[in-house]
Amino acid sequence: VSEEVASRARERIDQVFEEASGPINCEQLQILVKEVLELPSYFAVPLYNKLVDAQSGLVCKTRFLDYWTGSLIKQDAFGRLFDILGQGIAEHQGPHPPGSSKHLTHSDLRPLVDTIVHAHP
């Protein structure tokens, strides 16, 4: 990702969190999924599940930025999709620990399928 694209993305991230006056909910995360990650809004639920603070039920800016700069910014849309849906797949470099996988499983896809089913009449 070019410096210019990263800068525009960071500005939009800052704007969304500022408008929310702090941590954001899943609906607000949809904005970032569409505009920054360039993925369909359906991916907000799996990303929310990955980043949500269990106590507040919200996603804080620091957590989103850590995930964005640590993993997602380096990937194209397909890589981001795979990373968001997978259970830590892209977080591992080198050999994968026992029991981990380099592919998506049915359980990885479940939140996305549920979101799509709920969204359509």
N, C-alpha and C. Protein backbone atom coordinates (compact mmCIF):
# COMPACT_ATOMS: atom_id res chain seq x y z
N VAL A 1 0.85 -1.18 0.00
CA VAL A 1 0.00 0.00 0.00
C VAL A 1 0.89 1.24 0.00
N SER A 2 0.57 2.16 -0.87
CA SER A 2 1.37 3.38 -0.98
C SER A 2 1.18 4.26 0.27
N GLU A 3 2.11 5.17 0.46
CA GLU A 3 2.03 6.11 1.59
C GLU A 3 0.75 6.93 1.51
N GLU A 4 0.39 7.33 0.31
CA GLU A 4 -0.81 8.16 0.11
C GLU A 4 -2.08 7.39 0.50
N VAL A 5 -2.18 6.15 0.06
CA VAL A 5 -3.35 5.32 0.39
C VAL A 5 -3.41 5.06 1.89
N ALA A 6 -2.26 4.76 2.48
CA ALA A 6 -2.22 4.51 3.93
C ALA A 6 -2.61 5.77 4.70
N SER A 7 -2.18 6.91 4.23
CA SER A 7 -2.51 8.17 4.89
C SER A 7 -4.01 8.46 4.81
N ARG A 8 -4.60 8.26 3.63
CA ARG A 8 -6.06 8.47 3.48
C ARG A 8 -6.83 7.49 4.36
N ALA A 9 -6.36 6.25 4.42
CA ALA A 9 -7.02 5.25 5.25
C ALA A 9 -6.96 5.66 6.72
N ARG A 10 -5.81 6.11 7.16
CA ARG A 10 -5.65 6.53 8.55
C ARG A 10 -6.55 7.72 8.87
N GLU A 11 -6.68 8.65 7.94
CA GLU A 11 -7.57 9.80 8.15
C GLU A 11 -9.02 9.34 8.31
N ARG A 12 -9.43 8.38 7.47
CA ARG A 12 -10.82 7.88 7.55
C ARG A 12 -11.04 7.12 8.85
N ILE A 13 -10.06 6.33 9.26
CA ILE A 13 -10.14 5.60 10.53
C ILE A 13 -10.30 6.60 11.67
N ASP A 14 -9.44 7.63 11.69
CA ASP A 14 -9.52 8.65 12.74
C ASP A 14 -10.89 9.31 12.74
N GLN A 15 -11.41 9.63 11.56
CA GLN A 15 -12.70 10.30 11.44
C GLN A 15 -13.83 9.45 12.00
N VAL A 16 -13.87 8.17 11.67
CA VAL A 16 -14.94 7.29 12.15
C VAL A 16 -14.91 7.19 13.67
N PHE A 17 -13.73 7.03 14.26
CA PHE A 17 -13.64 6.93 15.72
C PHE A 17 -13.94 8.27 16.40
N GLU A 18 -13.56 9.38 15.77
CA GLU A 18 -13.87 10.69 16.33
C GLU A 18 -15.37 10.95 16.31
N GLU A 19 -16.03 10.60 15.21
CA GLU A 19 -17.48 10.79 15.11
C GLU A 19 -18.21 9.95 16.15
N ALA A 20 -17.65 8.81 16.51
CA ALA A 20 -18.26 7.95 17.52
C ALA A 20 -17.88 8.38 18.94
N SER A 21 -16.97 9.32 19.04
CA SER A 21 -16.46 9.77 20.34
C SER A 21 -15.87 8.63 21.15
N GLY A 22 -15.19 7.73 20.49
CA GLY A 22 -14.54 6.62 21.18
C GLY A 22 -14.71 5.32 20.43
N PRO A 23 -14.77 4.20 21.16
CA PRO A 23 -14.91 2.89 20.52
C PRO A 23 -16.17 2.80 19.66
N ILE A 24 -16.13 1.90 18.69
CA ILE A 24 -17.24 1.78 17.75
C ILE A 24 -17.94 0.42 17.85
N ASN A 25 -19.19 0.40 17.40
CA ASN A 25 -19.97 -0.84 17.38
C ASN A 25 -19.83 -1.50 16.00
N CYS A 26 -20.49 -2.62 15.83
CA CYS A 26 -20.39 -3.37 14.59
C CYS A 26 -20.92 -2.57 13.40
N GLU A 27 -21.99 -1.84 13.61
CA GLU A 27 -22.57 -1.04 12.52
C GLU A 27 -21.58 0.03 12.04
N GLN A 28 -20.92 0.68 12.98
CA GLN A 28 -19.93 1.70 12.62
C GLN A 28 -18.70 1.07 11.97
N LEU A 29 -18.37 -0.14 12.38
CA LEU A 29 -17.24 -0.86 11.79
C LEU A 29 -17.48 -1.15 10.31
N GLN A 30 -18.74 -1.27 9.93
CA GLN A 30 -19.08 -1.50 8.51
C GLN A 30 -18.51 -0.41 7.61
N ILE A 31 -18.49 0.81 8.10
CA ILE A 31 -17.94 1.92 7.32
C ILE A 31 -16.47 1.66 7.00
N LEU A 32 -15.72 1.25 8.00
CA LEU A 32 -14.30 0.99 7.80
C LEU A 32 -14.08 -0.23 6.92
N VAL A 33 -14.91 -1.23 7.07
CA VAL A 33 -14.79 -2.43 6.24
C VAL A 33 -14.98 -2.06 4.77
N LYS A 34 -15.97 -1.24 4.48
CA LYS A 34 -16.25 -0.86 3.10
C LYS A 34 -15.24 0.15 2.56
N GLU A 35 -14.95 1.18 3.32
CA GLU A 35 -14.16 2.29 2.80
C GLU A 35 -12.65 2.12 2.96
N VAL A 36 -12.21 1.48 4.01
CA VAL A 36 -10.77 1.33 4.25
C VAL A 36 -10.29 -0.05 3.79
N LEU A 37 -11.00 -1.09 4.18
CA LEU A 37 -10.58 -2.44 3.82
C LEU A 37 -11.03 -2.84 2.42
N GLU A 38 -11.96 -2.07 1.87
CA GLU A 38 -12.49 -2.31 0.52
C GLU A 38 -13.08 -3.71 0.38
N LEU A 39 -13.86 -4.08 1.39
CA LEU A 39 -14.57 -5.36 1.40
C LEU A 39 -16.06 -5.10 1.58
N PRO A 40 -16.91 -6.03 1.20
CA PRO A 40 -18.35 -5.87 1.45
C PRO A 40 -18.63 -5.74 2.94
N SER A 41 -19.67 -5.01 3.26
CA SER A 41 -20.01 -4.77 4.67
C SER A 41 -20.29 -6.04 5.45
N TYR A 42 -20.60 -7.14 4.77
CA TYR A 42 -20.84 -8.42 5.44
C TYR A 42 -19.63 -8.85 6.28
N PHE A 43 -18.46 -8.39 5.94
CA PHE A 43 -17.26 -8.79 6.67
C PHE A 43 -17.08 -8.03 7.98
N ALA A 44 -17.97 -7.09 8.25
CA ALA A 44 -17.90 -6.37 9.52
C ALA A 44 -18.13 -7.29 10.71
N VAL A 45 -19.05 -8.24 10.58
CA VAL A 45 -19.35 -9.14 11.71
C VAL A 45 -18.16 -10.03 12.06
N PRO A 46 -17.55 -10.74 11.10
CA PRO A 46 -16.38 -11.52 11.47
C PRO A 46 -15.24 -10.67 12.02
N LEU A 47 -15.04 -9.47 11.47
CA LEU A 47 -13.99 -8.59 11.98
C LEU A 47 -14.34 -8.10 13.38
N TYR A 48 -15.58 -7.73 13.58
CA TYR A 48 -16.04 -7.32 14.91
C TYR A 48 -15.80 -8.43 15.92
N ASN A 49 -16.14 -9.66 15.57
CA ASN A 49 -15.94 -10.79 16.48
C ASN A 49 -14.46 -10.97 16.81
N LYS A 50 -13.59 -10.64 15.89
CA LYS A 50 -12.15 -10.79 16.09
C LYS A 50 -11.59 -9.69 16.98
N LEU A 51 -12.17 -8.49 16.91
CA LEU A 51 -11.58 -7.33 17.58
C LEU A 51 -12.35 -6.83 18.81
N VAL A 52 -13.57 -7.28 19.01
CA VAL A 52 -14.44 -6.72 20.05
C VAL A 52 -13.86 -6.94 21.45
N ASP A 53 -14.05 -5.92 22.29
CA ASP A 53 -13.73 -6.04 23.70
C ASP A 53 -14.93 -6.70 24.38
N ALA A 54 -14.69 -7.81 25.04
CA ALA A 54 -15.78 -8.60 25.63
C ALA A 54 -16.57 -7.82 26.67
N GLN A 55 -15.93 -6.92 27.39
CA GLN A 55 -16.63 -6.18 28.44
C GLN A 55 -17.52 -5.07 27.89
N SER A 56 -16.98 -4.31 26.95
CA SER A 56 -17.74 -3.16 26.44
C SER A 56 -18.62 -3.50 25.24
N GLY A 57 -18.27 -4.56 24.52
CA GLY A 57 -19.00 -4.90 23.31
C GLY A 57 -18.67 -3.97 22.15
N LEU A 58 -17.56 -3.25 22.27
CA LEU A 58 -17.14 -2.28 21.25
C LEU A 58 -15.72 -2.57 20.78
N VAL A 59 -15.36 -1.96 19.66
CA VAL A 59 -14.01 -2.09 19.12
C VAL A 59 -13.30 -0.76 19.34
N CYS A 60 -12.17 -0.80 20.03
CA CYS A 60 -11.43 0.43 20.29
C CYS A 60 -10.49 0.73 19.12
N LYS A 61 -10.16 1.98 19.00
CA LYS A 61 -9.32 2.46 17.90
C LYS A 61 -7.95 1.79 17.91
N THR A 62 -7.35 1.67 19.08
CA THR A 62 -6.03 1.06 19.19
C THR A 62 -6.04 -0.37 18.68
N ARG A 63 -7.05 -1.11 19.06
CA ARG A 63 -7.14 -2.51 18.62
C ARG A 63 -7.31 -2.60 17.10
N PHE A 64 -8.16 -1.74 16.54
CA PHE A 64 -8.36 -1.73 15.09
C PHE A 64 -7.05 -1.35 14.38
N LEU A 65 -6.40 -0.29 14.86
CA LEU A 65 -5.16 0.15 14.21
C LEU A 65 -4.05 -0.90 14.32
N ASP A 66 -3.96 -1.57 15.45
CA ASP A 66 -2.95 -2.63 15.60
C ASP A 66 -3.18 -3.73 14.57
N TYR A 67 -4.43 -4.10 14.38
CA TYR A 67 -4.75 -5.16 13.42
C TYR A 67 -4.54 -4.66 11.99
N TRP A 68 -4.94 -3.43 11.73
CA TRP A 68 -4.79 -2.84 10.40
C TRP A 68 -3.30 -2.75 10.03
N THR A 69 -2.49 -2.14 10.90
CA THR A 69 -1.08 -1.94 10.56
C THR A 69 -0.26 -3.21 10.71
N GLY A 70 -0.67 -4.11 11.58
CA GLY A 70 0.09 -5.33 11.80
C GLY A 70 -0.15 -6.42 10.79
N SER A 71 -1.28 -6.36 10.12
CA SER A 71 -1.61 -7.46 9.22
C SER A 71 -2.29 -7.00 7.94
N LEU A 72 -3.38 -6.29 8.05
CA LEU A 72 -4.24 -6.03 6.90
C LEU A 72 -3.66 -5.06 5.88
N ILE A 73 -2.93 -4.06 6.32
CA ILE A 73 -2.43 -3.03 5.41
C ILE A 73 -1.47 -3.63 4.37
N LYS A 74 -0.84 -4.73 4.71
CA LYS A 74 0.15 -5.35 3.82
C LYS A 74 -0.48 -6.25 2.77
N GLN A 75 -1.79 -6.43 2.82
CA GLN A 75 -2.44 -7.41 1.97
C GLN A 75 -3.39 -6.77 0.97
N ASP A 76 -3.64 -7.50 -0.12
CA ASP A 76 -4.67 -7.07 -1.06
C ASP A 76 -6.02 -7.48 -0.48
N ALA A 77 -7.11 -7.18 -1.19
CA ALA A 77 -8.45 -7.47 -0.67
C ALA A 77 -8.65 -8.94 -0.36
N PHE A 78 -8.13 -9.83 -1.21
CA PHE A 78 -8.29 -11.26 -0.97
C PHE A 78 -7.55 -11.71 0.29
N GLY A 79 -6.37 -11.17 0.49
CA GLY A 79 -5.62 -11.49 1.71
C GLY A 79 -6.32 -10.99 2.96
N ARG A 80 -6.90 -9.77 2.88
CA ARG A 80 -7.64 -9.23 4.03
C ARG A 80 -8.86 -10.09 4.33
N LEU A 81 -9.55 -10.49 3.28
CA LEU A 81 -10.73 -11.36 3.44
C LEU A 81 -10.33 -12.65 4.17
N PHE A 82 -9.29 -13.29 3.70
CA PHE A 82 -8.82 -14.54 4.28
C PHE A 82 -8.40 -14.35 5.74
N ASP A 83 -7.69 -13.26 6.01
CA ASP A 83 -7.22 -12.97 7.36
C ASP A 83 -8.39 -12.73 8.31
N ILE A 84 -9.38 -11.96 7.88
CA ILE A 84 -10.53 -11.65 8.73
C ILE A 84 -11.33 -12.91 9.04
N LEU A 85 -11.55 -13.74 8.04
CA LEU A 85 -12.35 -14.95 8.26
C LEU A 85 -11.61 -16.03 9.03
N GLY A 86 -10.31 -16.12 8.83
CA GLY A 86 -9.53 -17.18 9.47
C GLY A 86 -9.29 -16.94 10.95
N GLN A 87 -9.08 -18.00 11.65
CA GLN A 87 -8.80 -17.94 13.08
C GLN A 87 -7.30 -17.85 13.31
N GLY A 88 -6.74 -16.67 13.05
CA GLY A 88 -5.31 -16.46 13.26
C GLY A 88 -4.44 -17.01 12.16
N ILE A 89 -5.00 -17.31 11.01
CA ILE A 89 -4.24 -17.91 9.92
C ILE A 89 -3.07 -17.02 9.51
N ALA A 90 -3.34 -15.77 9.23
CA ALA A 90 -2.30 -14.88 8.71
C ALA A 90 -1.38 -14.34 9.80
N GLU A 91 -1.70 -14.59 11.05
CA GLU A 91 -0.88 -14.08 12.14
C GLU A 91 0.39 -14.90 12.32
N HIS A 92 0.43 -16.09 11.79
CA HIS A 92 1.57 -16.98 11.97
C HIS A 92 2.53 -16.86 10.80
N GLN A 93 3.81 -16.74 11.10
CA GLN A 93 4.85 -16.77 10.09
C GLN A 93 5.61 -18.07 10.29
N GLY A 94 6.03 -18.68 9.22
CA GLY A 94 6.78 -19.93 9.32
C GLY A 94 5.86 -21.09 9.60
N PRO A 95 6.41 -22.14 10.24
CA PRO A 95 5.60 -23.35 10.51
C PRO A 95 4.40 -23.03 11.40
N HIS A 96 3.30 -23.64 11.07
CA HIS A 96 2.08 -23.44 11.85
C HIS A 96 2.08 -24.37 13.05
N PRO A 97 1.60 -23.87 14.20
CA PRO A 97 1.56 -24.72 15.38
C PRO A 97 0.62 -25.91 15.17
N PRO A 98 0.83 -26.98 15.93
CA PRO A 98 -0.07 -28.15 15.81
C PRO A 98 -1.52 -27.74 16.01
N GLY A 99 -2.38 -28.27 15.16
CA GLY A 99 -3.81 -27.99 15.27
C GLY A 99 -4.24 -26.75 14.52
N SER A 100 -3.27 -25.95 14.03
CA SER A 100 -3.66 -24.77 13.26
C SER A 100 -3.79 -25.16 11.79
N SER A 101 -4.28 -24.22 11.01
CA SER A 101 -4.57 -24.56 9.62
C SER A 101 -4.21 -23.41 8.71
N LYS A 102 -3.86 -23.72 7.47
CA LYS A 102 -3.59 -22.69 6.46
C LYS A 102 -4.81 -22.47 5.58
N HIS A 103 -5.92 -23.05 5.93
CA HIS A 103 -7.13 -22.91 5.13
C HIS A 103 -8.32 -22.56 6.03
N LEU A 104 -9.38 -22.09 5.41
CA LEU A 104 -10.59 -21.76 6.15
C LEU A 104 -11.39 -23.03 6.42
N THR A 105 -12.08 -23.02 7.55
CA THR A 105 -12.93 -24.14 7.92
C THR A 105 -14.39 -23.69 7.90
N HIS A 106 -15.29 -24.63 8.08
CA HIS A 106 -16.72 -24.30 8.15
C HIS A 106 -16.99 -23.29 9.26
N SER A 107 -16.36 -23.48 10.40
CA SER A 107 -16.61 -22.58 11.53
C SER A 107 -16.08 -21.17 11.25
N ASP A 108 -15.05 -21.04 10.41
CA ASP A 108 -14.56 -19.72 10.03
C ASP A 108 -15.59 -18.95 9.22
N LEU A 109 -16.35 -19.68 8.41
CA LEU A 109 -17.32 -19.05 7.51
C LEU A 109 -18.68 -18.78 8.17
N ARG A 110 -18.94 -19.40 9.31
CA ARG A 110 -20.24 -19.32 9.96
C ARG A 110 -20.73 -17.89 10.22
N PRO A 111 -19.91 -17.01 10.83
CA PRO A 111 -20.39 -15.64 11.07
C PRO A 111 -20.75 -14.90 9.78
N LEU A 112 -19.99 -15.13 8.73
CA LEU A 112 -20.28 -14.48 7.45
C LEU A 112 -21.59 -14.99 6.86
N VAL A 113 -21.79 -16.30 6.87
CA VAL A 113 -23.02 -16.89 6.33
C VAL A 113 -24.23 -16.40 7.13
N ASP A 114 -24.11 -16.39 8.45
CA ASP A 114 -25.22 -15.91 9.29
C ASP A 114 -25.57 -14.46 8.97
N THR A 115 -24.56 -13.63 8.76
CA THR A 115 -24.79 -12.22 8.44
C THR A 115 -25.51 -12.07 7.11
N ILE A 116 -25.09 -12.83 6.12
CA ILE A 116 -25.72 -12.76 4.80
C ILE A 116 -27.16 -13.24 4.86
N VAL A 117 -27.41 -14.34 5.56
CA VAL A 117 -28.75 -14.87 5.69
C VAL A 117 -29.68 -13.88 6.38
N HIS A 118 -29.20 -13.23 7.43
CA HIS A 118 -30.01 -12.23 8.15
C HIS A 118 -30.29 -11.00 7.31
N ALA A 119 -29.39 -10.66 6.40
CA ALA A 119 -29.52 -9.44 5.62
C ALA A 119 -30.49 -9.57 4.45
N HIS A 120 -30.77 -10.79 4.03
CA HIS A 120 -31.64 -11.00 2.88
C HIS A 120 -33.01 -11.53 3.31
N PRO A 121 -34.04 -11.00 2.67
CA PRO A 121 -35.40 -11.44 3.05
C PRO A 121 -35.68 -12.88 2.64
